[in-house]
Structures are given as structure tokens and as C-alpha cells.
Amino acid sequence: LSQNIIIGPKKIQRGQTAGELSFRAQKIKEVFLHPSTIAFAAHTLDSRYLCYHEIVKTSKVYVRDACSISKFSLLLFGGSLKVYQTHGVVSVDEWIRFKISPKPATLVKYLRNSMEALLLEKIMDPKLDITGTKLGRGVIEAVTLLLEMEC
């Protein structure tokens, strides 16, 4: 997921639209929203992190089909997660960084590892009802609450 992420400024200035802003991708310093993208005319974005479907280069580098995603979505479903407890930082694929206290960072990593283990069990046995276990229900409830908190 994190390879198709762009990061914008923390705020859109008054009178500006998202289409006028410069975003950055993992390996590209300046990326813009394509005019056909719905968010292009937006004066606010739900998040500075956007997930996109396609990147094209014409007169500029553009992304198409971009939508805002939350920080927790990135932490739970993004690329490789690394916790730097002494610095209070969590990184996704070594390029998207979030300041987070050590204890919550460890809990997020534990939740993600638990979720991935359950998904692997489900892949190995598609008939398995992960909602039928205490762990499965707990993980689903925790992920749901975490994502709802950001709304």
C-alpha cells in the first residue's frame, strides 16, 4: 500500500485547492493531482495522506484516482512497520513516519501482527470463522474502534 501513497502539506491555504498543491511520493519529490481526480477541486482534505491508483507523466507528474486515507489505515494496512521506541517514532516502509509514544506504538504493532496472523489463518483455511474465536473478535473490534476514532 505505501508505494501508492503521496503526502501533502499539513494544511491547504485559504483559497487554494488540492490541485494546486505539490505532494511528494516515496521516490518522487513533486507530484500533483490530475485534474480528473475528484480531490483536485477540494479546498480541504480529510488527511494529508492520499492513496492513488495510477501515476502518469505529461507536463508534470500526476496521480489519478486519489483519495485521502487515515494515519491508522497506513499503520494497520501499509507496508513494513518499524517502531523506534527510544525516538517515539513509527515508520511505514522506512519513509512515512509518525510521532507516537512507545506504549501505543507497541500496541499498534501488536494489533497489526495479530491481524496479519488471523488473515494468514483465514487464507490457509478459507472455511475458518475467525469471528468465532475470542482473539478474532477482539482484533476485529480493536481495528474497528481504532479506525472509527479517526473519523
Protein backbone atom coordinates (compact mmCIF):
# COMPACT_ATOMS: atom_id res chain seq x y z
CA LEU A 1 0.00 0.00 0.00
CA SER A 2 2.66 2.54 0.93
CA GLN A 3 4.15 2.54 -2.56
CA ASN A 4 0.96 4.19 -3.85
CA ILE A 5 0.89 6.91 -1.20
CA ILE A 6 1.54 10.60 -1.60
CA ILE A 7 1.92 13.09 1.23
CA GLY A 8 0.67 16.63 1.05
CA PRO A 9 1.16 19.70 3.20
CA LYS A 10 -0.46 19.74 6.63
CA LYS A 11 -2.97 22.37 5.56
CA ILE A 12 -4.39 23.79 2.36
CA GLN A 13 -4.06 27.55 2.39
CA ARG A 14 -7.25 29.61 2.23
CA GLY A 15 -8.43 29.96 -1.35
CA GLN A 16 -6.24 27.11 -2.62
CA THR A 17 -7.44 23.80 -3.97
CA ALA A 18 -5.77 20.43 -3.61
CA GLY A 19 -5.00 20.54 -7.34
CA GLU A 20 -2.68 23.50 -6.81
CA LEU A 21 -0.59 21.69 -4.20
CA SER A 22 2.59 19.78 -4.59
CA PHE A 23 2.63 16.34 -2.96
CA ARG A 24 5.57 14.00 -2.53
CA ALA A 25 5.85 10.29 -3.16
CA GLN A 26 8.40 7.82 -1.88
CA LYS A 27 10.81 8.37 -4.76
CA ILE A 28 9.40 11.49 -6.43
CA LYS A 29 9.71 14.90 -4.76
CA GLU A 30 6.96 16.69 -6.66
CA VAL A 31 3.67 15.05 -7.62
CA PHE A 32 0.35 16.72 -8.45
CA LEU A 33 -3.26 15.61 -8.51
CA HIS A 34 -4.53 15.06 -12.05
CA PRO A 35 -7.42 17.40 -12.97
CA SER A 36 -9.69 14.36 -13.49
CA THR A 37 -9.22 13.34 -9.84
CA ILE A 38 -12.22 14.17 -7.65
CA ALA A 39 -10.00 15.67 -4.92
CA PHE A 40 -8.45 18.12 -7.44
CA ALA A 41 -11.02 20.87 -6.72
CA ALA A 42 -11.24 20.21 -2.97
CA HIS A 43 -10.49 23.07 -0.55
CA THR A 44 -9.94 20.60 2.31
CA LEU A 45 -8.76 17.02 2.55
CA ASP A 46 -9.60 14.55 5.31
CA SER A 47 -5.92 13.66 5.59
CA ARG A 48 -2.60 14.76 4.15
CA TYR A 49 -2.02 11.14 3.11
CA LEU A 50 -3.56 10.06 -0.17
CA CYS A 51 -3.64 6.67 -1.83
CA TYR A 52 -3.66 6.68 -5.64
CA HIS A 53 -4.29 4.17 -8.38
CA GLU A 54 -2.17 5.47 -11.24
CA ILE A 55 0.77 7.79 -11.79
CA VAL A 56 1.39 9.44 -15.17
CA LYS A 57 3.90 11.92 -16.52
CA THR A 58 2.90 14.58 -19.02
CA SER A 59 3.97 18.17 -18.46
CA LYS A 60 4.14 17.23 -14.73
CA VAL A 61 3.97 14.03 -12.72
CA TYR A 62 0.31 13.42 -11.87
CA VAL A 63 -1.60 10.86 -9.83
CA ARG A 64 -5.10 9.77 -10.76
CA ASP A 65 -7.87 8.29 -8.67
CA ALA A 66 -6.50 9.58 -5.37
CA CYS A 67 -8.37 9.57 -2.08
CA SER A 68 -7.48 10.50 1.49
CA ILE A 69 -6.55 7.76 3.93
CA SER A 70 -6.12 7.92 7.67
CA LYS A 71 -2.92 7.52 9.65
CA PHE A 72 -4.21 4.36 11.31
CA SER A 73 -5.11 2.88 7.91
CA LEU A 74 -1.48 3.35 6.92
CA LEU A 75 -0.21 1.89 10.18
CA LEU A 76 -2.51 -1.14 10.00
CA PHE A 77 -2.55 -1.86 6.27
CA GLY A 78 0.55 -0.13 4.89
CA GLY A 79 3.97 -1.58 4.23
CA SER A 80 6.57 -2.80 6.68
CA LEU A 81 6.09 -1.33 10.15
CA LYS A 82 9.07 -0.43 12.33
CA VAL A 83 8.86 1.00 15.85
CA TYR A 84 11.67 3.24 17.14
CA GLN A 85 10.71 3.32 20.82
CA THR A 86 13.61 5.48 22.01
CA HIS A 87 12.70 8.17 19.45
CA GLY A 88 8.92 7.84 19.75
CA VAL A 89 8.56 7.17 16.02
CA VAL A 90 6.85 4.52 13.91
CA SER A 91 7.74 4.23 10.24
CA VAL A 92 5.93 2.58 7.36
CA ASP A 93 8.35 1.26 4.74
CA GLU A 94 11.08 3.45 6.24
CA TRP A 95 9.71 6.64 4.66
CA ILE A 96 6.36 7.57 6.21
CA ARG A 97 6.99 8.48 9.84
CA PHE A 98 4.61 9.18 12.69
CA LYS A 99 5.41 10.51 16.15
CA ILE A 100 3.86 8.16 18.67
CA SER A 101 4.69 7.29 22.27
CA PRO A 102 6.40 3.93 22.81
CA LYS A 103 3.48 2.13 24.52
CA PRO A 104 0.80 3.00 21.90
CA ALA A 105 3.34 2.25 19.15
CA THR A 106 3.94 -1.21 20.57
CA LEU A 107 0.18 -1.79 20.87
CA VAL A 108 -0.38 -0.80 17.21
CA LYS A 109 2.39 -3.15 16.12
CA TYR A 110 0.93 -5.96 18.23
CA LEU A 111 -2.54 -5.33 16.79
CA ARG A 112 -1.18 -5.37 13.26
CA ASN A 113 0.77 -8.60 13.88
CA SER A 114 -2.36 -10.19 15.36
CA MET A 115 -4.47 -9.07 12.40
CA GLU A 116 -1.92 -10.41 9.90
CA ALA A 117 -1.74 -13.75 11.74
CA LEU A 118 -5.54 -14.07 11.61
CA LEU A 119 -5.59 -13.19 7.92
CA LEU A 120 -2.94 -15.83 7.24
CA GLU A 121 -5.01 -18.43 9.11
CA LYS A 122 -8.05 -17.45 7.03
CA ILE A 123 -6.05 -17.74 3.80
CA MET A 124 -4.80 -21.19 4.83
CA ASP A 125 -8.31 -22.31 5.78
CA PRO A 126 -10.98 -20.24 3.96
CA LYS A 127 -13.77 -22.00 5.90
CA LEU A 128 -12.32 -20.85 9.23
CA ASP A 129 -14.63 -18.47 11.09
CA ILE A 130 -12.23 -16.01 12.70
CA THR A 131 -15.17 -14.19 14.29
CA GLY A 132 -15.89 -17.38 16.22
CA THR A 133 -12.78 -17.01 18.36
CA LYS A 134 -12.16 -14.64 21.24
CA LEU A 135 -8.93 -13.43 19.59
CA GLY A 136 -10.62 -12.92 16.22
CA ARG A 137 -13.49 -10.91 17.71
CA GLY A 138 -11.05 -8.89 19.83
CA VAL A 139 -8.82 -7.99 16.89
CA ILE A 140 -11.76 -7.05 14.66
CA GLU A 141 -13.27 -4.91 17.44
CA ALA A 142 -9.93 -3.19 18.16
CA VAL A 143 -9.29 -2.41 14.48
CA THR A 144 -12.84 -1.11 14.07
CA LEU A 145 -12.59 1.14 17.14
CA LEU A 146 -9.20 2.48 16.08
CA LEU A 147 -10.42 3.36 12.58
CA GLU A 148 -13.65 4.89 13.90
CA MET A 149 -11.67 7.11 16.30
CA GLU A 150 -10.13 8.94 13.36
CA CYS A 151 -13.46 9.77 11.72
